[in-house]
Protein backbone atom coordinates (compact mmCIF):
# COMPACT_ATOMS: atom_id res chain seq x y z
CA UNK A 1 -36.51 -135.48 -68.49
CA UNK A 2 -38.67 -138.41 -69.56
CA UNK A 3 -37.66 -141.00 -67.03
CA UNK A 4 -39.73 -143.81 -68.55
CA UNK A 5 -37.52 -143.99 -71.64
CA UNK A 6 -34.20 -142.85 -70.20
CA UNK A 7 -31.46 -145.18 -71.57
CA UNK A 8 -29.82 -145.52 -68.16
CA UNK A 9 -32.87 -147.32 -66.84
CA UNK A 10 -32.16 -150.36 -68.99
CA UNK A 11 -28.42 -150.29 -68.29
CA UNK A 12 -26.87 -152.64 -65.74
CA UNK A 13 -25.62 -151.11 -62.51
CA UNK A 14 -22.14 -152.54 -63.04
CA UNK A 15 -21.90 -150.91 -66.46
CA UNK A 16 -23.05 -147.53 -65.16
CA UNK A 17 -20.60 -147.72 -62.26
CA UNK A 18 -17.80 -148.59 -64.69
CA UNK A 19 -18.58 -145.97 -67.31
CA UNK A 20 -19.85 -143.00 -65.28
CA UNK A 21 -17.42 -141.51 -62.78
CA UNK A 22 -19.17 -140.63 -59.53
CA UNK A 23 -22.05 -143.06 -60.06
CA UNK A 24 -20.88 -145.36 -57.28
CA UNK A 25 -21.32 -142.58 -54.72
CA UNK A 26 -24.91 -142.11 -55.87
CA UNK A 27 -25.57 -145.85 -55.80
CA UNK A 28 -24.30 -146.04 -52.23
CA UNK A 29 -26.54 -143.10 -51.32
CA UNK A 30 -29.57 -145.09 -52.46
CA UNK A 31 -28.13 -148.42 -51.19
CA UNK A 32 -28.04 -149.94 -54.68
CA UNK A 33 -25.68 -152.91 -54.95
CA UNK A 34 -23.44 -152.24 -57.95
CA UNK A 35 -20.84 -154.92 -57.18
CA UNK A 36 -22.40 -158.34 -56.52
CA UNK A 37 -25.69 -157.04 -57.96
CA UNK A 38 -24.00 -155.34 -60.91
CA UNK A 39 -25.94 -157.49 -63.40
CA UNK A 40 -29.25 -155.86 -62.39
CA UNK A 41 -30.57 -153.00 -64.53
CA UNK A 42 -31.16 -149.62 -62.92
CA UNK A 43 -34.93 -149.88 -63.46
CA UNK A 44 -35.03 -153.32 -61.79
CA UNK A 45 -32.91 -152.14 -58.87
CA UNK A 46 -35.10 -149.09 -58.29
CA UNK A 47 -38.26 -151.18 -58.53
CA UNK A 48 -36.88 -153.71 -56.03
CA UNK A 49 -36.17 -150.90 -53.57
CA UNK A 50 -39.44 -149.06 -54.28
CA UNK A 51 -37.53 -145.90 -55.21
CA UNK A 52 -38.64 -143.03 -57.43
CA UNK A 53 -36.70 -142.89 -60.70
CA UNK A 54 -36.53 -139.11 -61.11
CA UNK A 55 -34.08 -138.06 -58.35
CA UNK A 56 -31.43 -140.66 -59.10
CA UNK A 57 -31.71 -140.13 -62.87
CA UNK A 58 -31.21 -136.40 -62.40
CA UNK A 59 -28.08 -137.01 -60.31
CA UNK A 60 -26.69 -139.53 -62.80
CA UNK A 61 -27.47 -137.23 -65.72
CA UNK A 62 -25.51 -134.45 -64.02
CA UNK A 63 -22.44 -136.69 -64.17
CA UNK A 64 -22.58 -137.45 -67.89
CA UNK A 65 -20.74 -134.32 -69.02
CA UNK A 66 -17.90 -134.76 -66.58
CA UNK A 67 -14.55 -136.21 -67.66
CA UNK A 68 -13.75 -139.37 -65.74
CA UNK A 69 -10.71 -138.87 -63.52
CA UNK A 70 -9.92 -142.60 -63.41
CA UNK A 71 -11.10 -144.47 -66.48
CA UNK A 72 -9.86 -147.85 -65.34
CA UNK A 73 -11.48 -149.65 -68.27
CA UNK A 74 -8.92 -148.01 -70.58
CA UNK A 75 -5.87 -148.37 -68.32
CA UNK A 76 -3.42 -151.29 -68.17
CA UNK A 77 -4.53 -154.18 -65.99
CA UNK A 78 -1.27 -153.99 -64.04
CA UNK A 79 -2.12 -150.43 -62.91
CA UNK A 80 -5.53 -151.50 -61.67
CA UNK A 81 -4.05 -154.51 -59.85
CA UNK A 82 -1.63 -152.20 -58.02
CA UNK A 83 -4.46 -149.78 -57.23
CA UNK A 84 -6.62 -152.54 -55.76
CA UNK A 85 -3.77 -153.87 -53.64
CA UNK A 86 -2.67 -150.47 -52.31
CA UNK A 87 -6.12 -148.98 -51.75
CA UNK A 88 -8.21 -151.97 -50.69
CA UNK A 89 -6.17 -155.02 -49.65
CA UNK A 90 -3.95 -153.03 -47.30
CA UNK A 91 -6.92 -150.98 -46.11
CA UNK A 92 -9.05 -154.00 -45.17
CA UNK A 93 -6.12 -155.38 -43.17
CA UNK A 94 -6.15 -152.17 -41.13
CA UNK A 95 -9.93 -151.91 -40.81
CA UNK A 96 -10.99 -155.35 -39.64
CA UNK A 97 -8.77 -155.87 -36.56
CA UNK A 98 -9.91 -152.55 -35.07
CA UNK A 99 -13.56 -153.22 -35.92
CA UNK A 100 -13.30 -156.66 -34.34
CA UNK A 101 -11.76 -155.16 -31.18
CA UNK A 102 -14.59 -152.63 -30.85
CA UNK A 103 -17.27 -155.22 -31.58
CA UNK A 104 -15.98 -157.50 -28.80
CA UNK A 105 -15.93 -154.57 -26.38
CA UNK A 106 -19.47 -153.47 -27.26
CA UNK A 107 -20.83 -156.99 -26.83
CA UNK A 108 -18.96 -157.47 -23.54
CA UNK A 109 -20.17 -154.19 -22.02
CA UNK A 110 -23.60 -153.77 -23.58
CA UNK A 111 -24.68 -157.32 -24.42
CA UNK A 112 -27.80 -157.05 -22.27
CA UNK A 113 -28.98 -153.76 -23.78
CA UNK A 114 -31.61 -153.44 -26.55
CA UNK A 115 -30.14 -153.37 -30.04
CA UNK A 116 -26.73 -154.77 -29.07
CA UNK A 117 -25.34 -156.65 -32.08
CA UNK A 118 -24.77 -159.94 -30.28
CA UNK A 119 -22.80 -162.29 -32.53
CA UNK A 120 -21.25 -159.48 -34.56
CA UNK A 121 -17.72 -160.02 -33.24
CA UNK A 122 -17.68 -163.72 -34.11
CA UNK A 123 -19.09 -162.93 -37.54
CA UNK A 124 -16.44 -160.26 -38.16
CA UNK A 125 -13.71 -162.69 -37.11
CA UNK A 126 -14.97 -165.23 -39.63
CA UNK A 127 -15.39 -162.55 -42.28
CA UNK A 128 -11.85 -161.27 -41.71
CA UNK A 129 -10.39 -164.76 -42.05
CA UNK A 130 -12.28 -165.44 -45.28
CA UNK A 131 -11.33 -162.07 -46.75
CA UNK A 132 -7.66 -162.53 -45.83
CA UNK A 133 -7.62 -165.96 -47.50
CA UNK A 134 -9.27 -164.45 -50.57
CA UNK A 135 -6.81 -161.56 -50.82
CA UNK A 136 -3.81 -163.85 -50.41
CA UNK A 137 -5.03 -166.03 -53.29
CA UNK A 138 -5.32 -162.92 -55.44
CA UNK A 139 -1.90 -161.62 -54.48
CA UNK A 140 -0.10 -164.95 -54.82
CA UNK A 141 -1.89 -166.47 -57.82
CA UNK A 142 -4.31 -164.27 -59.77
CA UNK A 143 -2.63 -160.87 -59.75
CA UNK A 144 0.76 -162.17 -60.97
CA UNK A 145 -1.00 -164.02 -63.82
CA UNK A 146 -2.86 -160.87 -64.88
CA UNK A 147 0.28 -158.74 -64.70
CA UNK A 148 2.05 -161.21 -66.97
CA UNK A 149 -0.86 -161.31 -69.41
CA UNK A 150 -1.45 -165.04 -68.84
CA UNK A 151 -5.19 -164.75 -69.45
CA UNK A 152 -5.93 -168.39 -70.16
CA UNK A 153 -4.30 -169.50 -66.93
CA UNK A 154 -6.15 -166.75 -65.02
CA UNK A 155 -9.67 -167.73 -66.14
CA UNK A 156 -10.05 -170.47 -63.51
CA UNK A 157 -8.87 -168.35 -60.57
CA UNK A 158 -11.10 -165.49 -61.76
CA UNK A 159 -14.15 -167.77 -61.61
CA UNK A 160 -13.23 -168.81 -58.06
CA UNK A 161 -12.77 -165.17 -57.00
CA UNK A 162 -16.17 -164.24 -58.45
CA UNK A 163 -17.84 -166.98 -56.41
CA UNK A 164 -16.04 -165.81 -53.28
CA UNK A 165 -17.13 -162.23 -53.98
CA UNK A 166 -20.74 -163.42 -53.78
CA UNK A 167 -19.93 -164.95 -50.39
CA UNK A 168 -18.39 -161.67 -49.22
CA UNK A 169 -21.60 -159.92 -50.27
CA UNK A 170 -23.63 -162.35 -48.16
CA UNK A 171 -21.30 -161.82 -45.20
CA UNK A 172 -21.67 -158.05 -45.56
CA UNK A 173 -25.45 -158.40 -45.61
CA UNK A 174 -25.23 -160.28 -42.31
CA UNK A 175 -23.34 -157.33 -40.81
CA UNK A 176 -26.09 -155.02 -42.06
CA UNK A 177 -28.76 -157.23 -40.51
CA UNK A 178 -26.98 -157.46 -37.15
CA UNK A 179 -26.47 -153.69 -36.89
CA UNK A 180 -29.81 -152.41 -38.21
CA UNK A 181 -28.02 -151.08 -41.29
CA UNK A 182 -25.21 -149.62 -39.14
CA UNK A 183 -27.70 -147.50 -37.19
CA UNK A 184 -26.75 -147.17 -33.48
CA UNK A 185 -29.58 -146.88 -30.93
CA UNK A 186 -30.02 -143.65 -29.03
CA UNK A 187 -28.34 -145.09 -25.94
CA UNK A 188 -25.22 -146.25 -27.81
CA UNK A 189 -21.85 -145.25 -26.33
CA UNK A 190 -19.03 -143.65 -28.31
CA UNK A 191 -17.34 -147.00 -29.00
CA UNK A 192 -20.62 -148.41 -30.29
CA UNK A 193 -21.10 -145.42 -32.58
CA UNK A 194 -17.49 -145.53 -33.77
CA UNK A 195 -17.92 -149.23 -34.52
CA UNK A 196 -20.93 -148.60 -36.74
CA UNK A 197 -19.23 -145.69 -38.47
CA UNK A 198 -16.25 -147.93 -39.21
CA UNK A 199 -18.51 -150.73 -40.45
CA UNK A 200 -20.22 -148.31 -42.81
CA UNK A 201 -16.82 -147.32 -44.21
CA UNK A 202 -15.92 -151.00 -44.59
CA UNK A 203 -19.13 -151.55 -46.52
CA UNK A 204 -18.35 -148.74 -48.97
CA UNK A 205 -14.73 -149.80 -49.42
CA UNK A 206 -15.54 -153.49 -49.85
CA UNK A 207 -18.28 -152.75 -52.39
CA UNK A 208 -15.92 -150.51 -54.38
CA UNK A 209 -13.22 -153.20 -54.15
CA UNK A 210 -15.49 -155.95 -55.48
CA UNK A 211 -16.90 -153.64 -58.16
CA UNK A 212 -13.46 -152.83 -59.57
CA UNK A 213 -12.60 -156.51 -59.76
CA UNK A 214 -15.92 -157.95 -61.00
CA UNK A 215 -16.94 -155.18 -63.38
CA UNK A 216 -13.57 -153.85 -64.58
CA UNK A 217 -10.50 -156.01 -63.94
CA UNK A 218 -12.08 -159.39 -64.65
CA UNK A 219 -13.92 -158.10 -67.71
CA UNK A 220 -10.66 -156.67 -69.05
CA UNK A 221 -9.04 -160.09 -68.59
CA UNK A 222 -11.86 -162.21 -70.00
C-alpha cells in the first residue's frame, strides 16, 4: 500500500465515518474526532496527532469490501430520527444521572488524593442540563419538522443544533482534561474506576450521536 497517495488521506473524517461502516470504531481507537472535527481530512488529523498513516490505513482498507449493515445516508430521515432518539437520547438520560452520582461520591471521599477530578461533578451537572435542553429542542421542534419533510423551516433549528454540538464537544474535552483521558490512578477505588469507564462510554456514545446528526441527518436535510 502506498500511503502517501491513498485517496482516504484526503477525505474528510466525517465522510469516511458516513460511508465506511466500522470506521468510527477505528477513529475512536486512535482518538480521532469524526463528529465535531468531521471537516478535517484524515491526513490532517493524523498529522495533528503525530500518528503513523500505515496502521490506520490498513484497518480502514480492510473495511472497504464489507457491506454496510446500516447505510443511514440512503435510509429515510424519519428512520434515522427514531434511531437517534431510541439509541442516544434515552441512553444519555440514563447515563448522566448515574455518572453524576458517582462523581460526587468520588470527590467527597477522595478529594484530597492525587488525581482526584475535583470539579468534575459540577461540570457533569452543567453538561447534563445543557444536553437535556438540546435534546428537548430536537424532540419538540427539529425532529417533527424533519419527519414532515419541512426542510426550509428546519434549516434554522439545524444551524442552532450544529452550534450547540460544538459546545458539547468542548464540554466533553473538559471531561477528558479533568480525568486524564478517563485514566484512573493506581490507587483509585472501584467507584472511581467505574466512573471513568462510564465516562468513556459516554464519550463514544455522544460522539456517535453527534456524528449521525452532523454528518448524516443534517446533510440529508440540507
